Amino acid sequence: MLYPENLGEQLSIDETSLSHGELYTILINKAAKGKKGAIVTIVAGTKAETVISVLKKIPERARKKVTEVTLDRAGNMELICKRCFPQANRFQSI
């Protein structure tokens, strides 16, 4: 699922297991505060190249407007942010 219209300046990215041990990568617009318009994308799996290919469907001009991404210490999340949101500051959560 991809909702490019929900892209905002401040995002959070993380992986989660929704059912039966299947992993998903979720990108959230922080400004929506968990309400309507919060989900930017949910991608099956956590492989960086898979997530990057989905996020690159959002025009580069829009992705360059992202100023901040909060992520965990997983290397794949760092790579996703570097490639998709090159202008954004990255903040690692513990």
PDB file of N, CA and C in Angstrom:
ATOM      1  N   MET A   1       0.855  -1.182   0.000  1.00  0.00           N
ATOM      2  CA  MET A   1       0.000   0.000   0.000  1.00  0.00           C
ATOM      3  C   MET A   1       0.891   1.232   0.000  1.00  0.00           C
ATOM      4  N   LEU A   2       0.551   2.166  -0.827  1.00  0.00           N
ATOM      5  CA  LEU A   2       1.299   3.420  -0.908  1.00  0.00           C
ATOM      6  C   LEU A   2       0.306   4.563  -0.998  1.00  0.00           C
ATOM      7  N   TYR A   3       0.465   5.531  -0.101  1.00  0.00           N
ATOM      8  CA  TYR A   3      -0.382   6.720  -0.069  1.00  0.00           C
ATOM      9  C   TYR A   3       0.519   7.960  -0.139  1.00  0.00           C
ATOM     10  N   PRO A   4       1.006   8.299  -1.322  1.00  0.00           N
ATOM     11  CA  PRO A   4       1.945   9.418  -1.438  1.00  0.00           C
ATOM     12  C   PRO A   4       1.361  10.747  -0.978  1.00  0.00           C
ATOM     13  N   GLU A   5       0.053  10.870  -1.031  1.00  0.00           N
ATOM     14  CA  GLU A   5      -0.593  12.112  -0.585  1.00  0.00           C
ATOM     15  C   GLU A   5      -0.436  12.320   0.922  1.00  0.00           C
ATOM     16  N   ASN A   6      -0.059  11.270   1.661  1.00  0.00           N
ATOM     17  CA  ASN A   6       0.118  11.374   3.110  1.00  0.00           C
ATOM     18  C   ASN A   6       1.545  11.743   3.510  1.00  0.00           C
ATOM     19  N   LEU A   7       2.435  11.888   2.535  1.00  0.00           N
ATOM     20  CA  LEU A   7       3.823  12.219   2.832  1.00  0.00           C
ATOM     21  C   LEU A   7       3.893  13.593   3.482  1.00  0.00           C
ATOM     22  N   GLY A   8       4.661  13.693   4.544  1.00  0.00           N
ATOM     23  CA  GLY A   8       4.839  14.962   5.244  1.00  0.00           C
ATOM     24  C   GLY A   8       6.308  15.237   5.470  1.00  0.00           C
ATOM     25  N   GLU A   9       6.608  16.306   6.173  1.00  0.00           N
ATOM     26  CA  GLU A   9       7.997  16.682   6.428  1.00  0.00           C
ATOM     27  C   GLU A   9       8.649  15.826   7.498  1.00  0.00           C
ATOM     28  N   GLN A  10       7.865  15.313   8.443  1.00  0.00           N
ATOM     29  CA  GLN A  10       8.406  14.515   9.538  1.00  0.00           C
ATOM     30  C   GLN A  10       7.789  13.125   9.503  1.00  0.00           C
ATOM     31  N   LEU A  11       8.670  12.114   9.398  1.00  0.00           N
ATOM     32  CA  LEU A  11       8.214  10.736   9.257  1.00  0.00           C
ATOM     33  C   LEU A  11       8.837   9.830  10.315  1.00  0.00           C
ATOM     34  N   SER A  12       8.234   8.658  10.480  1.00  0.00           N
ATOM     35  CA  SER A  12       8.797   7.577  11.286  1.00  0.00           C
ATOM     36  C   SER A  12       8.733   6.310  10.448  1.00  0.00           C
ATOM     37  N   ILE A  13       9.781   5.479  10.547  1.00  0.00           N
ATOM     38  CA  ILE A  13       9.812   4.221   9.818  1.00  0.00           C
ATOM     39  C   ILE A  13      10.207   3.115  10.786  1.00  0.00           C
ATOM     40  N   ASP A  14       9.535   1.977  10.659  1.00  0.00           N
ATOM     41  CA  ASP A  14       9.848   0.836  11.528  1.00  0.00           C
ATOM     42  C   ASP A  14       9.291  -0.427  10.901  1.00  0.00           C
ATOM     43  N   GLU A  15       9.756  -1.559  11.397  1.00  0.00           N
ATOM     44  CA  GLU A  15       9.213  -2.837  10.962  1.00  0.00           C
ATOM     45  C   GLU A  15       8.339  -3.397  12.069  1.00  0.00           C
ATOM     46  N   THR A  16       7.340  -4.168  11.669  1.00  0.00           N
ATOM     47  CA  THR A  16       6.441  -4.777  12.644  1.00  0.00           C
ATOM     48  C   THR A  16       5.941  -6.105  12.113  1.00  0.00           C
ATOM     49  N   SER A  17       5.484  -6.939  13.014  1.00  0.00           N
ATOM     50  CA  SER A  17       4.884  -8.216  12.641  1.00  0.00           C
ATOM     51  C   SER A  17       3.386  -8.098  12.903  1.00  0.00           C
ATOM     52  N   LEU A  18       2.590  -8.146  11.853  1.00  0.00           N
ATOM     53  CA  LEU A  18       1.148  -7.967  12.008  1.00  0.00           C
ATOM     54  C   LEU A  18       0.406  -9.276  12.224  1.00  0.00           C
ATOM     55  N   SER A  19       0.847 -10.363  11.582  1.00  0.00           N
ATOM     56  CA  SER A  19       0.160 -11.645  11.761  1.00  0.00           C
ATOM     57  C   SER A  19       1.055 -12.794  11.327  1.00  0.00           C
ATOM     58  N   HIS A  20       0.969 -13.886  12.007  1.00  0.00           N
ATOM     59  CA  HIS A  20       1.669 -15.122  11.652  1.00  0.00           C
ATOM     60  C   HIS A  20       3.162 -14.917  11.401  1.00  0.00           C
ATOM     61  N   GLY A  21       3.795 -13.987  12.107  1.00  0.00           N
ATOM     62  CA  GLY A  21       5.222 -13.763  11.972  1.00  0.00           C
ATOM     63  C   GLY A  21       5.647 -13.052  10.705  1.00  0.00           C
ATOM     64  N   GLU A  22       4.706 -12.590   9.887  1.00  0.00           N
ATOM     65  CA  GLU A  22       5.045 -11.859   8.666  1.00  0.00           C
ATOM     66  C   GLU A  22       5.499 -10.450   9.038  1.00  0.00           C
ATOM     67  N   LEU A  23       6.623 -10.032   8.476  1.00  0.00           N
ATOM     68  CA  LEU A  23       7.157  -8.709   8.774  1.00  0.00           C
ATOM     69  C   LEU A  23       6.732  -7.694   7.720  1.00  0.00           C
ATOM     70  N   TYR A  24       6.475  -6.487   8.171  1.00  0.00           N
ATOM     71  CA  TYR A  24       6.102  -5.380   7.301  1.00  0.00           C
ATOM     72  C   TYR A  24       6.907  -4.154   7.694  1.00  0.00           C
ATOM     73  N   THR A  25       7.201  -3.307   6.719  1.00  0.00           N
ATOM     74  CA  THR A  25       7.830  -2.021   6.976  1.00  0.00           C
ATOM     75  C   THR A  25       6.744  -0.962   6.834  1.00  0.00           C
ATOM     76  N   ILE A  26       6.662  -0.102   7.839  1.00  0.00           N
ATOM     77  CA  ILE A  26       5.615   0.924   7.865  1.00  0.00           C
ATOM     78  C   ILE A  26       6.254   2.302   7.958  1.00  0.00           C
ATOM     79  N   LEU A  27       5.804   3.214   7.089  1.00  0.00           N
ATOM     80  CA  LEU A  27       6.250   4.600   7.102  1.00  0.00           C
ATOM     81  C   LEU A  27       5.057   5.467   7.471  1.00  0.00           C
ATOM     82  N   ILE A  28       5.231   6.291   8.485  1.00  0.00           N
ATOM     83  CA  ILE A  28       4.139   7.084   9.057  1.00  0.00           C
ATOM     84  C   ILE A  28       4.461   8.582   8.983  1.00  0.00           C
ATOM     85  N   ASN A  29       3.454   9.387   8.687  1.00  0.00           N
ATOM     86  CA  ASN A  29       3.548  10.838   8.752  1.00  0.00           C
ATOM     87  C   ASN A  29       3.260  11.243  10.194  1.00  0.00           C
ATOM     88  N   LYS A  30       4.263  11.782  10.886  1.00  0.00           N
ATOM     89  CA  LYS A  30       4.112  12.122  12.301  1.00  0.00           C
ATOM     90  C   LYS A  30       3.059  13.200  12.550  1.00  0.00           C
ATOM     91  N   ALA A  31       2.873  14.101  11.596  1.00  0.00           N
ATOM     92  CA  ALA A  31       1.928  15.208  11.775  1.00  0.00           C
ATOM     93  C   ALA A  31       0.496  14.714  11.937  1.00  0.00           C
ATOM     94  N   ALA A  32       0.180  13.553  11.388  1.00  0.00           N
ATOM     95  CA  ALA A  32      -1.182  13.018  11.483  1.00  0.00           C
ATOM     96  C   ALA A  32      -1.486  12.440  12.854  1.00  0.00           C
ATOM     97  N   LYS A  33      -0.451  12.233  13.658  1.00  0.00           N
ATOM     98  CA  LYS A  33      -0.605  11.747  15.035  1.00  0.00           C
ATOM     99  C   LYS A  33      -1.468  10.493  15.143  1.00  0.00           C
ATOM    100  N   GLY A  34      -1.252   9.560  14.202  1.00  0.00           N
ATOM    101  CA  GLY A  34      -1.950   8.278  14.255  1.00  0.00           C
ATOM    102  C   GLY A  34      -3.379   8.302  13.733  1.00  0.00           C
ATOM    103  N   LYS A  35      -3.811   9.418  13.236  1.00  0.00           N
ATOM    104  CA  LYS A  35      -5.183   9.530  12.735  1.00  0.00           C
ATOM    105  C   LYS A  35      -5.201   9.398  11.206  1.00  0.00           C
ATOM    106  N   LYS A  36      -6.294   9.782  10.605  1.00  0.00           N
ATOM    107  CA  LYS A  36      -6.435   9.708   9.153  1.00  0.00           C
ATOM    108  C   LYS A  36      -5.276  10.430   8.472  1.00  0.00           C
ATOM    109  N   GLY A  37      -4.706   9.772   7.465  1.00  0.00           N
ATOM    110  CA  GLY A  37      -3.591  10.350   6.734  1.00  0.00           C
ATOM    111  C   GLY A  37      -2.227  10.041   7.321  1.00  0.00           C
ATOM    112  N   ALA A  38      -2.171   9.175   8.318  1.00  0.00           N
ATOM    113  CA  ALA A  38      -0.897   8.862   8.963  1.00  0.00           C
ATOM    114  C   ALA A  38      -0.040   7.906   8.139  1.00  0.00           C
ATOM    115  N   ILE A  39      -0.645   6.918   7.508  1.00  0.00           N
ATOM    116  CA  ILE A  39       0.122   5.893   6.809  1.00  0.00           C
ATOM    117  C   ILE A  39       0.570   6.394   5.434  1.00  0.00           C
ATOM    118  N   VAL A  40       1.881   6.381   5.224  1.00  0.00           N
ATOM    119  CA  VAL A  40       2.434   6.704   3.914  1.00  0.00           C
ATOM    120  C   VAL A  40       2.572   5.409   3.116  1.00  0.00           C
ATOM    121  N   THR A  41       3.112   4.363   3.757  1.00  0.00           N
ATOM    122  CA  THR A  41       3.211   3.070   3.084  1.00  0.00           C
ATOM    123  C   THR A  41       3.312   1.927   4.085  1.00  0.00           C
ATOM    124  N   ILE A  42       2.837   0.788   3.664  1.00  0.00           N
ATOM    125  CA  ILE A  42       3.057  -0.476   4.354  1.00  0.00           C
ATOM    126  C   ILE A  42       3.564  -1.430   3.278  1.00  0.00           C
ATOM    127  N   VAL A  43       4.781  -1.942   3.486  1.00  0.00           N
ATOM    128  CA  VAL A  43       5.421  -2.816   2.511  1.00  0.00           C
ATOM    129  C   VAL A  43       5.665  -4.176   3.153  1.00  0.00           C
ATOM    130  N   ALA A  44       5.286  -5.247   2.463  1.00  0.00           N
ATOM    131  CA  ALA A  44       5.557  -6.589   2.953  1.00  0.00           C
ATOM    132  C   ALA A  44       7.059  -6.817   2.952  1.00  0.00           C
ATOM    133  N   GLY A  45       7.599  -7.207   4.090  1.00  0.00           N
ATOM    134  CA  GLY A  45       9.023  -7.475   4.217  1.00  0.00           C
ATOM    135  C   GLY A  45       9.794  -6.279   4.726  1.00  0.00           C
ATOM    136  N   THR A  46      11.087  -6.525   4.960  1.00  0.00           N
ATOM    137  CA  THR A  46      11.948  -5.461   5.488  1.00  0.00           C
ATOM    138  C   THR A  46      13.211  -5.262   4.656  1.00  0.00           C
ATOM    139  N   LYS A  47      13.293  -5.926   3.501  1.00  0.00           N
ATOM    140  CA  LYS A  47      14.478  -5.764   2.655  1.00  0.00           C
ATOM    141  C   LYS A  47      14.518  -4.343   2.116  1.00  0.00           C
ATOM    142  N   ALA A  48      15.672  -3.721   2.267  1.00  0.00           N
ATOM    143  CA  ALA A  48      15.824  -2.319   1.882  1.00  0.00           C
ATOM    144  C   ALA A  48      15.455  -2.091   0.419  1.00  0.00           C
ATOM    145  N   GLU A  49      15.941  -2.931  -0.471  1.00  0.00           N
ATOM    146  CA  GLU A  49      15.680  -2.706  -1.896  1.00  0.00           C
ATOM    147  C   GLU A  49      14.193  -2.773  -2.236  1.00  0.00           C
ATOM    148  N   THR A  50      13.464  -3.639  -1.554  1.00  0.00           N
ATOM    149  CA  THR A  50      12.018  -3.749  -1.790  1.00  0.00           C
ATOM    150  C   THR A  50      11.312  -2.466  -1.358  1.00  0.00           C
ATOM    151  N   VAL A  51      11.638  -1.990  -0.167  1.00  0.00           N
ATOM    152  CA  VAL A  51      11.004  -0.779   0.360  1.00  0.00           C
ATOM    153  C   VAL A  51      11.398   0.431  -0.479  1.00  0.00           C
ATOM    154  N   ILE A  52      12.660   0.514  -0.848  1.00  0.00           N
ATOM    155  CA  ILE A  52      13.142   1.624  -1.670  1.00  0.00           C
ATOM    156  C   ILE A  52      12.397   1.674  -3.001  1.00  0.00           C
ATOM    157  N   SER A  53      12.191   0.524  -3.620  1.00  0.00           N
ATOM    158  CA  SER A  53      11.501   0.511  -4.917  1.00  0.00           C
ATOM    159  C   SER A  53      10.070   1.033  -4.791  1.00  0.00           C
ATOM    160  N   VAL A  54       9.420   0.775  -3.675  1.00  0.00           N
ATOM    161  CA  VAL A  54       8.063   1.293  -3.458  1.00  0.00           C
ATOM    162  C   VAL A  54       8.108   2.802  -3.221  1.00  0.00           C
ATOM    163  N   LEU A  55       9.003   3.247  -2.351  1.00  0.00           N
ATOM    164  CA  LEU A  55       9.066   4.671  -2.022  1.00  0.00           C
ATOM    165  C   LEU A  55       9.518   5.529  -3.196  1.00  0.00           C
ATOM    166  N   LYS A  56      10.290   4.971  -4.087  1.00  0.00           N
ATOM    167  CA  LYS A  56      10.743   5.745  -5.257  1.00  0.00           C
ATOM    168  C   LYS A  56       9.613   5.991  -6.254  1.00  0.00           C
ATOM    169  N   LYS A  57       8.444   5.409  -6.019  1.00  0.00           N
ATOM    170  CA  LYS A  57       7.267   5.727  -6.822  1.00  0.00           C
ATOM    171  C   LYS A  57       6.732   7.115  -6.470  1.00  0.00           C
ATOM    172  N   ILE A  58       7.122   7.620  -5.313  1.00  0.00           N
ATOM    173  CA  ILE A  58       6.781   8.992  -4.914  1.00  0.00           C
ATOM    174  C   ILE A  58       7.774   9.903  -5.633  1.00  0.00           C
ATOM    175  N   PRO A  59       7.297  10.953  -6.272  1.00  0.00           N
ATOM    176  CA  PRO A  59       8.217  11.841  -6.994  1.00  0.00           C
ATOM    177  C   PRO A  59       9.363  12.343  -6.108  1.00  0.00           C
ATOM    178  N   GLU A  60      10.549  12.409  -6.689  1.00  0.00           N
ATOM    179  CA  GLU A  60      11.743  12.837  -5.954  1.00  0.00           C
ATOM    180  C   GLU A  60      11.558  14.217  -5.336  1.00  0.00           C
ATOM    181  N   ARG A  61      10.900  15.086  -6.045  1.00  0.00           N
ATOM    182  CA  ARG A  61      10.663  16.449  -5.540  1.00  0.00           C
ATOM    183  C   ARG A  61       9.914  16.416  -4.192  1.00  0.00           C
ATOM    184  N   ALA A  62       8.930  15.547  -4.078  1.00  0.00           N
ATOM    185  CA  ALA A  62       8.167  15.416  -2.829  1.00  0.00           C
ATOM    186  C   ALA A  62       9.031  14.787  -1.740  1.00  0.00           C
ATOM    187  N   ARG A  63       9.818  13.767  -2.104  1.00  0.00           N
ATOM    188  CA  ARG A  63      10.661  13.096  -1.120  1.00  0.00           C
ATOM    189  C   ARG A  63      11.743  14.017  -0.573  1.00  0.00           C
ATOM    190  N   LYS A  64      12.199  14.959  -1.375  1.00  0.00           N
ATOM    191  CA  LYS A  64      13.228  15.904  -0.919  1.00  0.00           C
ATOM    192  C   LYS A  64      12.685  16.929   0.071  1.00  0.00           C
ATOM    193  N   LYS A  65      11.370  17.030   0.198  1.00  0.00           N
ATOM    194  CA  LYS A  65      10.760  17.949   1.165  1.00  0.00           C
ATOM    195  C   LYS A  65      10.741  17.372   2.577  1.00  0.00           C
ATOM    196  N   VAL A  66      11.029  16.080   2.713  1.00  0.00           N
ATOM    197  CA  VAL A  66      11.068  15.446   4.041  1.00  0.00           C
ATOM    198  C   VAL A  66      12.295  15.985   4.775  1.00  0.00           C
ATOM    199  N   THR A  67      12.076  16.512   5.982  1.00  0.00           N
ATOM    200  CA  THR A  67      13.162  17.116   6.748  1.00  0.00           C
ATOM    201  C   THR A  67      13.665  16.221   7.875  1.00  0.00           C
ATOM    202  N   GLU A  68      12.850  15.234   8.285  1.00  0.00           N
ATOM    203  CA  GLU A  68      13.205  14.426   9.457  1.00  0.00           C
ATOM    204  C   GLU A  68      12.580  13.043   9.353  1.00  0.00           C
ATOM    205  N   VAL A  69      13.386  12.020   9.689  1.00  0.00           N
ATOM    206  CA  VAL A  69      12.877  10.656   9.767  1.00  0.00           C
ATOM    207  C   VAL A  69      13.389  10.037  11.061  1.00  0.00           C
ATOM    208  N   THR A  70      12.471   9.500  11.856  1.00  0.00           N
ATOM    209  CA  THR A  70      12.836   8.777  13.065  1.00  0.00           C
ATOM    210  C   THR A  70      12.853   7.291  12.732  1.00  0.00           C
ATOM    211  N   LEU A  71      13.924   6.603  13.122  1.00  0.00           N
ATOM    212  CA  LEU A  71      14.085   5.189  12.796  1.00  0.00           C
ATOM    213  C   LEU A  71      14.827   4.489  13.922  1.00  0.00           C
ATOM    214  N   ASP A  72      14.812   3.150  13.892  1.00  0.00           N
ATOM    215  CA  ASP A  72      15.595   2.411  14.876  1.00  0.00           C
ATOM    216  C   ASP A  72      16.992   2.185  14.322  1.00  0.00           C
ATOM    217  N   ARG A  73      17.793   1.390  14.991  1.00  0.00           N
ATOM    218  CA  ARG A  73      19.197   1.212  14.608  1.00  0.00           C
ATOM    219  C   ARG A  73      19.412   0.166  13.520  1.00  0.00           C
ATOM    220  N   ALA A  74      18.356  -0.364  12.965  1.00  0.00           N
ATOM    221  CA  ALA A  74      18.491  -1.380  11.914  1.00  0.00           C
ATOM    222  C   ALA A  74      19.143  -0.759  10.681  1.00  0.00           C
ATOM    223  N   GLY A  75      20.161  -1.432  10.153  1.00  0.00           N
ATOM    224  CA  GLY A  75      20.895  -0.924   9.005  1.00  0.00           C
ATOM    225  C   GLY A  75      20.043  -0.735   7.772  1.00  0.00           C
ATOM    226  N   ASN A  76      19.056  -1.619   7.587  1.00  0.00           N
ATOM    227  CA  ASN A  76      18.202  -1.490   6.411  1.00  0.00           C
ATOM    228  C   ASN A  76      17.354  -0.219   6.463  1.00  0.00           C
ATOM    229  N   MET A  77      16.918   0.183   7.642  1.00  0.00           N
ATOM    230  CA  MET A  77      16.122   1.409   7.775  1.00  0.00           C
ATOM    231  C   MET A  77      16.976   2.631   7.460  1.00  0.00           C
ATOM    232  N   GLU A  78      18.222   2.609   7.888  1.00  0.00           N
ATOM    233  CA  GLU A  78      19.160   3.700   7.595  1.00  0.00           C
ATOM    234  C   GLU A  78      19.369   3.832   6.083  1.00  0.00           C
ATOM    235  N   LEU A  79      19.566   2.709   5.416  1.00  0.00           N
ATOM    236  CA  LEU A  79      19.769   2.708   3.968  1.00  0.00           C
ATOM    237  C   LEU A  79      18.538   3.236   3.233  1.00  0.00           C
ATOM    238  N   ILE A  80      17.363   2.806   3.657  1.00  0.00           N
ATOM    239  CA  ILE A  80      16.110   3.278   3.056  1.00  0.00           C
ATOM    240  C   ILE A  80      16.024   4.802   3.157  1.00  0.00           C
ATOM    241  N   CYS A  81      16.306   5.327   4.331  1.00  0.00           N
ATOM    242  CA  CYS A  81      16.213   6.777   4.542  1.00  0.00           C
ATOM    243  C   CYS A  81      17.237   7.540   3.714  1.00  0.00           C
ATOM    244  N   LYS A  82      18.471   7.043   3.664  1.00  0.00           N
ATOM    245  CA  LYS A  82      19.514   7.715   2.883  1.00  0.00           C
ATOM    246  C   LYS A  82      19.142   7.796   1.411  1.00  0.00           C
ATOM    247  N   ARG A  83      18.614   6.702   0.882  1.00  0.00           N
ATOM    248  CA  ARG A  83      18.316   6.649  -0.556  1.00  0.00           C
ATOM    249  C   ARG A  83      17.022   7.363  -0.933  1.00  0.00           C
ATOM    250  N   CYS A  84      16.029   7.324  -0.053  1.00  0.00           N
ATOM    251  CA  CYS A  84      14.712   7.878  -0.408  1.00  0.00           C
ATOM    252  C   CYS A  84      14.495   9.305   0.082  1.00  0.00           C
ATOM    253  N   PHE A  85      15.143   9.653   1.185  1.00  0.00           N
ATOM    254  CA  PHE A  85      14.949  10.974   1.781  1.00  0.00           C
ATOM    255  C   PHE A  85      16.307  11.617   2.045  1.00  0.00           C
ATOM    256  N   PRO A  86      17.047  11.939   0.985  1.00  0.00           N
ATOM    257  CA  PRO A  86      18.427  12.400   1.143  1.00  0.00           C
ATOM    258  C   PRO A  86      18.577  13.730   1.882  1.00  0.00           C
ATOM    259  N   GLN A  87      17.553  14.546   1.900  1.00  0.00           N
ATOM    260  CA  GLN A  87      17.619  15.852   2.566  1.00  0.00           C
ATOM    261  C   GLN A  87      17.267  15.769   4.052  1.00  0.00           C
ATOM    262  N   ALA A  88      16.745  14.630   4.495  1.00  0.00           N
ATOM    263  CA  ALA A  88      16.207  14.519   5.854  1.00  0.00           C
ATOM    264  C   ALA A  88      17.283  14.233   6.892  1.00  0.00           C
ATOM    265  N   ASN A  89      17.111  14.839   8.053  1.00  0.00           N
ATOM    266  CA  ASN A  89      17.897  14.463   9.215  1.00  0.00           C
ATOM    267  C   ASN A  89      17.335  13.150   9.729  1.00  0.00           C
ATOM    268  N   ARG A  90      18.218  12.264  10.172  1.00  0.00           N
ATOM    269  CA  ARG A  90      17.782  10.975  10.685  1.00  0.00           C
ATOM    270  C   ARG A  90      18.011  10.917  12.187  1.00  0.00           C
ATOM    271  N   PHE A  91      16.963  10.571  12.927  1.00  0.00           N
ATOM    272  CA  PHE A  91      17.030  10.468  14.375  1.00  0.00           C
ATOM    273  C   PHE A  91      16.765   9.030  14.766  1.00  0.00           C
ATOM    274  N   GLN A  92      17.689   8.438  15.493  1.00  0.00           N
ATOM    275  CA  GLN A  92      17.513   7.042  15.886  1.00  0.00           C
ATOM    276  C   GLN A  92      16.811   6.957  17.230  1.00  0.00           C
ATOM    277  N   SER A  93      15.797   6.109  17.265  1.00  0.00           N
ATOM    278  CA  SER A  93      15.098   5.842  18.519  1.00  0.00           C
ATOM    279  C   SER A  93      15.770   4.651  19.179  1.00  0.00           C
ATOM    280  N   ILE A  94      15.605   4.553  20.443  1.00  0.00           N
ATOM    281  CA  ILE A  94      16.242   3.453  21.186  1.00  0.00           C
ATOM    282  C   ILE A  94      15.272   2.303  21.355  1.00  0.00           C
TER     283      ILE A  94
END
